[in-house]
Amino acid sequence: MNKLIKTTNPYSGESAMLTPEEHKLYHRIKNLELAELYDEMQKALSKFSRLNPKAYMTLLD
């Protein structure tokens, strides 16, 4: 059984439950944003939006 991880949008305060894979990808996206690696960030955003569209809208859109 996969453990779900509660992840919160720092701007809206809304949360979503993510699988470990999605949680890792979420943090990769945030780190790429901090590093200003926007091309890689867009690829990761695209993957995240396909994996979990609802969480994408809550956390990253």
N, C-alpha and C. Protein backbone atom coordinates (compact mmCIF):
# COMPACT_ATOMS: atom_id res chain seq x y z
N MET A 1 0.83 -1.18 0.00
CA MET A 1 0.00 0.00 0.00
C MET A 1 0.88 1.25 0.00
N ASN A 2 0.63 2.14 -0.94
CA ASN A 2 1.38 3.38 -1.01
C ASN A 2 0.87 4.38 0.01
N LYS A 3 1.80 4.95 0.73
CA LYS A 3 1.47 6.00 1.68
C LYS A 3 1.27 7.31 0.91
N LEU A 4 0.21 8.04 1.24
CA LEU A 4 -0.03 9.33 0.62
C LEU A 4 0.54 10.43 1.51
N ILE A 5 1.07 11.46 0.88
CA ILE A 5 1.72 12.55 1.58
C ILE A 5 0.93 13.83 1.35
N LYS A 6 0.50 14.46 2.44
CA LYS A 6 -0.23 15.72 2.34
C LYS A 6 0.76 16.82 1.97
N THR A 7 0.46 17.52 0.88
CA THR A 7 1.32 18.59 0.38
C THR A 7 0.47 19.84 0.23
N THR A 8 1.00 20.97 0.70
CA THR A 8 0.23 22.21 0.74
C THR A 8 0.83 23.27 -0.16
N ASN A 9 -0.03 23.93 -0.91
CA ASN A 9 0.37 25.06 -1.75
C ASN A 9 0.72 26.22 -0.80
N PRO A 10 1.96 26.73 -0.87
CA PRO A 10 2.35 27.78 0.07
C PRO A 10 1.64 29.11 -0.16
N TYR A 11 1.07 29.28 -1.32
CA TYR A 11 0.41 30.55 -1.64
C TYR A 11 -1.08 30.54 -1.31
N SER A 12 -1.75 29.44 -1.61
CA SER A 12 -3.20 29.38 -1.40
C SER A 12 -3.59 28.70 -0.08
N GLY A 13 -2.68 27.89 0.46
CA GLY A 13 -3.00 27.13 1.66
C GLY A 13 -3.78 25.86 1.38
N GLU A 14 -4.14 25.61 0.12
CA GLU A 14 -4.86 24.39 -0.25
C GLU A 14 -3.89 23.21 -0.29
N SER A 15 -4.41 22.02 0.01
CA SER A 15 -3.58 20.82 0.07
C SER A 15 -4.09 19.75 -0.87
N ALA A 16 -3.18 18.83 -1.20
CA ALA A 16 -3.50 17.66 -2.01
C ALA A 16 -2.72 16.48 -1.44
N MET A 17 -3.27 15.29 -1.62
CA MET A 17 -2.60 14.07 -1.19
C MET A 17 -1.84 13.50 -2.39
N LEU A 18 -0.53 13.31 -2.20
CA LEU A 18 0.34 12.85 -3.29
C LEU A 18 0.95 11.50 -2.97
N THR A 19 1.17 10.71 -4.01
CA THR A 19 1.94 9.48 -3.86
C THR A 19 3.41 9.89 -3.64
N PRO A 20 4.24 8.98 -3.16
CA PRO A 20 5.66 9.32 -3.01
C PRO A 20 6.29 9.79 -4.33
N GLU A 21 5.93 9.17 -5.44
CA GLU A 21 6.46 9.59 -6.75
C GLU A 21 6.04 11.02 -7.08
N GLU A 22 4.77 11.33 -6.87
CA GLU A 22 4.27 12.68 -7.15
C GLU A 22 4.91 13.71 -6.22
N HIS A 23 5.09 13.33 -4.96
CA HIS A 23 5.70 14.24 -3.98
C HIS A 23 7.14 14.57 -4.38
N LYS A 24 7.87 13.56 -4.80
CA LYS A 24 9.25 13.76 -5.25
C LYS A 24 9.27 14.69 -6.47
N LEU A 25 8.36 14.47 -7.41
CA LEU A 25 8.29 15.30 -8.60
C LEU A 25 7.89 16.73 -8.25
N TYR A 26 6.98 16.90 -7.31
CA TYR A 26 6.57 18.24 -6.85
C TYR A 26 7.80 19.01 -6.34
N HIS A 27 8.61 18.36 -5.50
CA HIS A 27 9.79 19.04 -4.96
C HIS A 27 10.83 19.29 -6.04
N ARG A 28 10.92 18.40 -7.01
CA ARG A 28 11.83 18.64 -8.15
C ARG A 28 11.40 19.90 -8.89
N ILE A 29 10.11 20.05 -9.13
CA ILE A 29 9.58 21.23 -9.82
C ILE A 29 9.93 22.50 -9.04
N LYS A 30 9.70 22.49 -7.73
CA LYS A 30 9.98 23.67 -6.91
C LYS A 30 11.48 23.99 -6.90
N ASN A 31 12.33 22.96 -6.86
CA ASN A 31 13.78 23.19 -6.89
C ASN A 31 14.24 23.71 -8.25
N LEU A 32 13.66 23.19 -9.32
CA LEU A 32 14.00 23.70 -10.66
C LEU A 32 13.59 25.16 -10.79
N GLU A 33 12.46 25.51 -10.21
CA GLU A 33 12.01 26.91 -10.23
C GLU A 33 13.02 27.80 -9.50
N LEU A 34 13.46 27.37 -8.32
CA LEU A 34 14.45 28.15 -7.56
C LEU A 34 15.76 28.30 -8.32
N ALA A 35 16.14 27.26 -9.05
CA ALA A 35 17.38 27.28 -9.83
C ALA A 35 17.22 27.99 -11.17
N GLU A 36 16.00 28.43 -11.45
CA GLU A 36 15.67 29.12 -12.71
C GLU A 36 15.95 28.25 -13.94
N LEU A 37 15.71 26.95 -13.81
CA LEU A 37 15.86 26.01 -14.92
C LEU A 37 14.47 25.76 -15.50
N TYR A 38 13.98 26.75 -16.22
CA TYR A 38 12.57 26.77 -16.61
C TYR A 38 12.20 25.74 -17.68
N ASP A 39 13.11 25.41 -18.59
CA ASP A 39 12.80 24.38 -19.59
C ASP A 39 12.57 23.03 -18.92
N GLU A 40 13.47 22.66 -18.01
CA GLU A 40 13.32 21.40 -17.28
C GLU A 40 12.08 21.45 -16.39
N MET A 41 11.83 22.61 -15.80
CA MET A 41 10.66 22.76 -14.94
C MET A 41 9.38 22.53 -15.73
N GLN A 42 9.30 23.06 -16.95
CA GLN A 42 8.11 22.89 -17.77
C GLN A 42 7.88 21.42 -18.12
N LYS A 43 8.95 20.69 -18.39
CA LYS A 43 8.82 19.26 -18.67
C LYS A 43 8.29 18.52 -17.44
N ALA A 44 8.80 18.87 -16.28
CA ALA A 44 8.34 18.23 -15.04
C ALA A 44 6.89 18.61 -14.73
N LEU A 45 6.52 19.86 -14.99
CA LEU A 45 5.13 20.30 -14.79
C LEU A 45 4.19 19.52 -15.70
N SER A 46 4.61 19.31 -16.94
CA SER A 46 3.79 18.57 -17.89
C SER A 46 3.57 17.13 -17.39
N LYS A 47 4.63 16.51 -16.91
CA LYS A 47 4.52 15.14 -16.39
C LYS A 47 3.59 15.11 -15.17
N PHE A 48 3.76 16.06 -14.25
CA PHE A 48 2.94 16.10 -13.05
C PHE A 48 1.47 16.28 -13.41
N SER A 49 1.20 17.14 -14.37
CA SER A 49 -0.20 17.40 -14.76
C SER A 49 -0.86 16.17 -15.35
N ARG A 50 -0.08 15.29 -15.98
CA ARG A 50 -0.63 14.04 -16.51
C ARG A 50 -0.82 13.00 -15.40
N LEU A 51 0.10 12.97 -14.43
CA LEU A 51 0.01 12.01 -13.33
C LEU A 51 -1.18 12.29 -12.41
N ASN A 52 -1.39 13.58 -12.10
CA ASN A 52 -2.41 13.92 -11.12
C ASN A 52 -2.96 15.32 -11.44
N PRO A 53 -3.87 15.41 -12.41
CA PRO A 53 -4.38 16.72 -12.84
C PRO A 53 -5.01 17.54 -11.71
N LYS A 54 -5.73 16.88 -10.82
CA LYS A 54 -6.38 17.62 -9.73
C LYS A 54 -5.34 18.25 -8.79
N ALA A 55 -4.33 17.48 -8.42
CA ALA A 55 -3.27 18.01 -7.55
C ALA A 55 -2.48 19.10 -8.27
N TYR A 56 -2.28 18.94 -9.56
CA TYR A 56 -1.59 19.97 -10.34
C TYR A 56 -2.33 21.30 -10.21
N MET A 57 -3.65 21.27 -10.38
CA MET A 57 -4.44 22.50 -10.30
C MET A 57 -4.39 23.09 -8.89
N THR A 58 -4.34 22.25 -7.88
CA THR A 58 -4.31 22.72 -6.50
C THR A 58 -2.94 23.26 -6.10
N LEU A 59 -1.88 22.59 -6.52
CA LEU A 59 -0.55 22.91 -6.01
C LEU A 59 0.30 23.78 -6.92
N LEU A 60 0.11 23.66 -8.22
CA LEU A 60 1.08 24.27 -9.13
C LEU A 60 0.51 25.22 -10.16
N ASP A 61 -0.79 25.24 -10.36
CA ASP A 61 -1.35 26.09 -11.41
C ASP A 61 -1.57 27.50 -10.92
